[in-house]
Structure formats: C-alpha cells, structure tokens
Amino acid sequence: MIKAVLRGLAAALVVLSATVSSPAHAAETLPLSEAVDSLALGTESRDGYTRDKFRHWNTGDNPSDGCNTRAEVLIHEATEPPAVGPNCRLEGGSWLSYYDAVVVESASGLDIDHMVPLAEAWDSGASAWTAQRRERYANDQGQEASLVAVTARSNRSKADQDPAQWLPPAADAHCRYAAEWVGTKLRWSLTTDDAELAALRELADACPLQTVTYEPAP
C-alpha cells in the first residue's frame, strides 16, 4: 500500500515538473523563410474599421510610473536616455530611427509605429477580437518588434501599407523589417493576403541568414 502511494506521488511530481518547465507561451525562433511559410492566408476586409477601436496610448506596462505606452517605448528605445520630468515629460535623449537610419534628438520628432498597422491588423483578423484584445495589441510591449520609435516622416510614409506596398527607405533595414513584420503577425495570429505573402517570400529569399523570434500573445 505504501509503495503504491509513493509511486503515485512520484508520478504526480513528474507531471508537475513537466508543467512548470513547459511555459504556455514559449518563444520560438525560426529562419525567416520558415516563419513566412507559417503564416496563414486570408482575405482582407476593412469593413467597420476605425482607429479608435484600438485604444491607445494607455497607462503602459507600469501604470505607477506616470508614463503612457508611447513614453515607455521612447524611454526603452533611446540610445541616450532622456531625462524624465514631472508627468513623464521627456527632455533630451537620442534615438536611431532604423527605418531611415536617422538620428533623432527630440522625442517630439518621433512616432511610435505599430509594426503591423492597426488598419492592417483589423483587415487580418483583429476585427473579430474583443475591444480588450485590440487594446492589448495597440499597446503591446511584450515583444520588441511590436512597437518601434521611428521618424514621423517614415511612419507617415508607411501609413497602413504592408510589405508588398512599402519597405523602409534604408535598404539594409529590409531584412530586420521583414522579420519583425512576420514575427508580429505570428505573435497575434494575423493572416496575410496573396500579394503580401509573395513580397515576404521575396524578402526571405534575399535574407537567408535572417531569423524570426516571436512569442504568442497572451
């Protein structure tokens, strides 16, 4: 009887150990070509889209710091940290906008770009999400690629276009950009259309050493 109980406890410990060591949302790293092949095809529709269906910027990852998501991203991505004043007012600092390889020395000269624009996310599956999930998407700091500080000019040039329609002006940024785009789509289980997929495959062929790391969104 005692041996049977001990065997049962041992089995329970094995199950518990496996559960603890296997997180529900483990990060995955794939070659860019494999990551592109993992994307699901879908038909895009912008019916019903408005930007205000994605609430941003909210109080960010740390509501007690007095900074919203935009400011938190700026602080995190600064190459030279800004001074943070009352009400999270940022003074000084320096940033590298990788889309166009421009150094920016004022937070006011930067936009926080959604790697996959809100309209594109809506087209690709977010229209079916709850308002709460769309808010999490719009303020996602759980993956480096989701939000990026770039020049206002480059962000507005990109607008809501996908990689079939727009790539960063800096040619040496294309591999990174493709990886971050694909990683964001995989993180949030967003689909691609035919033209977008074809463009991503061309980029993957041109970037054979590029990898994509992503973690499924909670």
Protein backbone atom coordinates (compact mmCIF):
# COMPACT_ATOMS: atom_id res chain seq x y z
CA MET A 1 0.00 0.00 0.00
CA ILE A 2 2.78 2.43 0.97
CA LYS A 3 4.72 1.59 -2.20
CA ALA A 4 1.64 2.30 -4.31
CA VAL A 5 1.19 5.68 -2.63
CA LEU A 6 4.85 6.54 -3.19
CA ARG A 7 4.60 5.57 -6.86
CA GLY A 8 1.57 7.83 -7.19
CA LEU A 9 3.39 10.75 -5.60
CA ALA A 10 6.38 10.22 -7.88
CA ALA A 11 4.13 10.24 -10.96
CA ALA A 12 2.45 13.43 -9.76
CA LEU A 13 5.84 15.10 -9.30
CA VAL A 14 6.84 14.17 -12.86
CA VAL A 15 3.65 15.75 -14.23
CA LEU A 16 4.16 18.87 -12.11
CA SER A 17 7.78 19.19 -13.24
CA ALA A 18 6.76 18.94 -16.89
CA THR A 19 4.08 21.57 -16.38
CA VAL A 20 6.45 24.02 -14.67
CA SER A 21 9.24 23.58 -17.25
CA SER A 22 6.95 23.99 -20.28
CA PRO A 23 5.54 27.54 -20.32
CA ALA A 24 2.28 28.05 -22.17
CA HIS A 25 3.72 30.80 -24.37
CA ALA A 26 7.32 29.83 -25.11
CA ALA A 27 9.24 31.98 -27.56
CA GLU A 28 10.12 30.35 -30.88
CA THR A 29 12.93 31.20 -33.30
CA LEU A 30 12.68 30.23 -36.97
CA PRO A 31 14.55 31.11 -40.17
CA LEU A 32 12.69 33.89 -41.94
CA SER A 33 11.70 31.58 -44.80
CA GLU A 34 10.11 29.07 -42.39
CA ALA A 35 8.38 31.82 -40.46
CA VAL A 36 6.87 33.19 -43.67
CA ASP A 37 5.64 29.71 -44.57
CA SER A 38 3.96 29.53 -41.15
CA LEU A 39 1.70 32.49 -41.93
CA ALA A 40 -1.94 31.76 -42.70
CA LEU A 41 -3.54 33.10 -45.86
CA GLY A 42 -6.71 35.11 -45.51
CA THR A 43 -8.98 37.55 -47.30
CA GLU A 44 -8.61 41.09 -46.02
CA SER A 45 -11.58 43.33 -45.26
CA ARG A 46 -11.60 46.82 -43.78
CA ASP A 47 -15.34 46.87 -43.23
CA GLY A 48 -16.18 48.60 -39.96
CA TYR A 49 -12.64 49.80 -39.20
CA THR A 50 -11.96 52.97 -37.27
CA ARG A 51 -8.72 53.76 -35.49
CA ASP A 52 -10.48 54.41 -32.20
CA LYS A 53 -11.41 50.72 -31.99
CA PHE A 54 -7.80 50.18 -30.82
CA ARG A 55 -7.47 52.16 -27.58
CA HIS A 56 -4.01 53.69 -27.26
CA TRP A 57 -1.95 55.00 -25.67
CA ASN A 58 -2.92 53.54 -22.28
CA THR A 59 -1.01 53.65 -18.98
CA GLY A 60 1.61 51.27 -20.30
CA ASP A 61 3.34 48.32 -18.68
CA ASN A 62 3.92 50.18 -15.43
CA PRO A 63 0.88 52.30 -14.51
CA SER A 64 2.70 53.66 -11.45
CA ASP A 65 5.45 55.38 -13.46
CA GLY A 66 3.16 58.13 -14.77
CA CYS A 67 4.13 57.35 -18.38
CA ASN A 68 1.87 56.11 -21.15
CA THR A 69 2.85 53.42 -23.65
CA ARG A 70 4.33 55.93 -26.09
CA ALA A 71 6.65 57.39 -23.45
CA GLU A 72 7.65 53.97 -22.13
CA VAL A 73 8.67 52.85 -25.63
CA LEU A 74 10.66 56.05 -26.14
CA ILE A 75 12.49 55.55 -22.85
CA HIS A 76 13.20 51.90 -23.64
CA GLU A 77 14.47 52.51 -27.18
CA ALA A 78 16.61 55.58 -26.51
CA THR A 79 20.27 55.19 -27.42
CA GLU A 80 20.96 58.02 -24.96
CA PRO A 81 18.30 58.12 -22.23
CA PRO A 82 16.19 61.25 -21.89
CA ALA A 83 15.57 62.98 -18.58
CA VAL A 84 12.10 62.10 -17.30
CA GLY A 85 10.38 65.04 -15.64
CA PRO A 86 7.01 65.59 -13.98
CA ASN A 87 4.06 64.00 -15.82
CA CYS A 88 6.63 61.92 -17.75
CA ARG A 89 7.86 64.88 -19.76
CA LEU A 90 10.93 63.75 -21.70
CA GLU A 91 13.85 66.12 -22.15
CA GLY A 92 16.93 65.43 -24.25
CA GLY A 93 17.87 61.92 -25.26
CA SER A 94 18.76 60.40 -28.61
CA TRP A 95 17.17 57.73 -30.82
CA LEU A 96 18.07 55.90 -34.02
CA SER A 97 15.14 55.54 -36.40
CA TYR A 98 16.11 52.32 -38.14
CA TYR A 99 13.61 52.70 -40.98
CA ASP A 100 15.62 55.57 -42.45
CA ALA A 101 18.88 55.45 -40.42
CA VAL A 102 18.22 58.91 -38.96
CA VAL A 103 19.38 60.01 -35.51
CA VAL A 104 16.69 61.98 -33.68
CA GLU A 105 17.44 64.12 -30.64
CA SER A 106 13.95 65.16 -29.63
CA ALA A 107 11.11 62.87 -28.59
CA SER A 108 8.68 65.16 -30.40
CA GLY A 109 10.31 64.19 -33.71
CA LEU A 110 9.38 60.54 -33.29
CA ASP A 111 6.29 58.46 -33.86
CA ILE A 112 5.68 55.10 -32.23
CA ASP A 113 4.86 52.85 -35.16
CA HIS A 114 2.74 49.74 -34.85
CA MET A 115 4.87 47.29 -36.80
CA VAL A 116 1.71 45.83 -38.31
CA PRO A 117 -0.51 48.93 -38.59
CA LEU A 118 -3.84 48.98 -36.79
CA ALA A 119 -5.79 49.01 -40.05
CA GLU A 120 -3.77 46.09 -41.40
CA ALA A 121 -4.32 44.18 -38.15
CA TRP A 122 -8.06 44.82 -38.48
CA ASP A 123 -8.01 43.52 -42.05
CA SER A 124 -6.06 40.44 -40.98
CA GLY A 125 -8.17 39.21 -38.08
CA ALA A 126 -8.41 41.85 -35.36
CA SER A 127 -11.92 42.78 -36.49
CA ALA A 128 -13.08 39.62 -34.69
CA TRP A 129 -11.27 40.43 -31.43
CA THR A 130 -12.73 41.92 -28.28
CA ALA A 131 -12.06 45.58 -27.53
CA GLN A 132 -9.76 44.48 -24.70
CA ARG A 133 -7.61 42.35 -27.01
CA ARG A 134 -7.36 45.18 -29.52
CA GLU A 135 -6.19 47.45 -26.71
CA ARG A 136 -3.54 44.91 -25.71
CA TYR A 137 -2.40 44.76 -29.33
CA ALA A 138 -2.22 48.53 -29.70
CA ASN A 139 -0.07 48.84 -26.56
CA ASP A 140 1.97 45.64 -26.88
CA GLN A 141 5.38 45.92 -25.26
CA GLY A 142 5.69 42.18 -24.70
CA GLN A 143 7.69 41.78 -27.91
CA GLU A 144 10.40 44.19 -29.03
CA ALA A 145 9.16 44.25 -32.62
CA SER A 146 5.54 45.21 -31.94
CA LEU A 147 6.14 48.93 -31.36
CA VAL A 148 9.09 50.90 -32.71
CA ALA A 149 10.21 54.52 -32.38
CA VAL A 150 10.86 55.99 -35.84
CA THR A 151 10.85 59.37 -37.53
CA ALA A 152 7.41 60.83 -38.05
CA ARG A 153 8.22 61.18 -41.75
CA SER A 154 8.98 57.49 -42.26
CA ASN A 155 5.99 56.38 -40.20
CA ARG A 156 3.61 58.57 -42.17
CA SER A 157 5.12 57.40 -45.42
CA LYS A 158 4.41 53.83 -44.38
CA ALA A 159 0.86 54.63 -43.17
CA ASP A 160 -1.17 51.38 -43.23
CA GLN A 161 0.73 49.67 -46.05
CA ASP A 162 2.06 46.11 -45.93
CA PRO A 163 5.49 44.97 -47.29
CA ALA A 164 4.06 44.48 -50.79
CA GLN A 165 3.44 48.24 -50.86
CA TRP A 166 6.12 49.77 -48.62
CA LEU A 167 9.56 48.98 -47.23
CA PRO A 168 11.86 51.17 -45.13
CA PRO A 169 13.89 53.73 -47.09
CA ALA A 170 17.11 52.29 -45.61
CA ALA A 171 17.77 49.21 -47.76
CA ASP A 172 19.87 47.50 -45.09
CA ALA A 173 16.82 47.57 -42.79
CA HIS A 174 14.70 45.36 -45.06
CA CYS A 175 15.68 42.00 -43.54
CA ARG A 176 15.05 43.19 -39.99
CA TYR A 177 11.79 44.81 -41.02
CA ALA A 178 10.53 41.65 -42.72
CA ALA A 179 11.40 39.58 -39.64
CA GLU A 180 9.65 41.99 -37.29
CA TRP A 181 6.57 42.16 -39.52
CA VAL A 182 6.32 38.37 -39.73
CA GLY A 183 7.02 37.97 -36.00
CA THR A 184 4.21 40.36 -35.15
CA LYS A 185 1.76 38.59 -37.43
CA LEU A 186 2.68 35.21 -35.93
CA ARG A 187 2.54 36.56 -32.37
CA TRP A 188 -1.05 37.73 -32.88
CA SER A 189 -2.18 35.00 -35.32
CA LEU A 190 -2.87 37.54 -38.06
CA THR A 191 -3.33 36.41 -41.65
CA THR A 192 -1.67 37.57 -44.88
CA ASP A 193 -3.04 38.17 -48.35
CA ASP A 194 -1.51 36.83 -51.56
CA ALA A 195 0.45 39.94 -52.56
CA GLU A 196 1.84 40.41 -49.04
CA LEU A 197 2.89 36.76 -48.84
CA ALA A 198 4.64 36.94 -52.21
CA ALA A 199 6.57 40.04 -51.10
CA LEU A 200 7.58 38.38 -47.84
CA ARG A 201 8.83 35.31 -49.70
CA GLU A 202 10.98 37.53 -51.92
CA LEU A 203 12.40 39.19 -48.82
CA ALA A 204 13.07 35.81 -47.21
CA ASP A 205 14.99 34.72 -50.33
CA ALA A 206 17.07 37.90 -50.11
CA CYS A 207 17.70 37.44 -46.37
CA PRO A 208 18.81 33.79 -45.96
CA LEU A 209 20.51 34.38 -42.59
CA GLN A 210 17.64 36.32 -41.02
CA THR A 211 15.73 34.69 -38.17
CA VAL A 212 12.36 35.49 -36.58
CA THR A 213 11.77 35.21 -32.85
CA TYR A 214 8.23 35.55 -31.54
CA GLU A 215 6.14 34.58 -28.56
CA PRO A 216 2.39 34.02 -28.94
CA ALA A 217 0.42 36.87 -27.40
CA PRO A 218 -1.35 36.12 -24.12
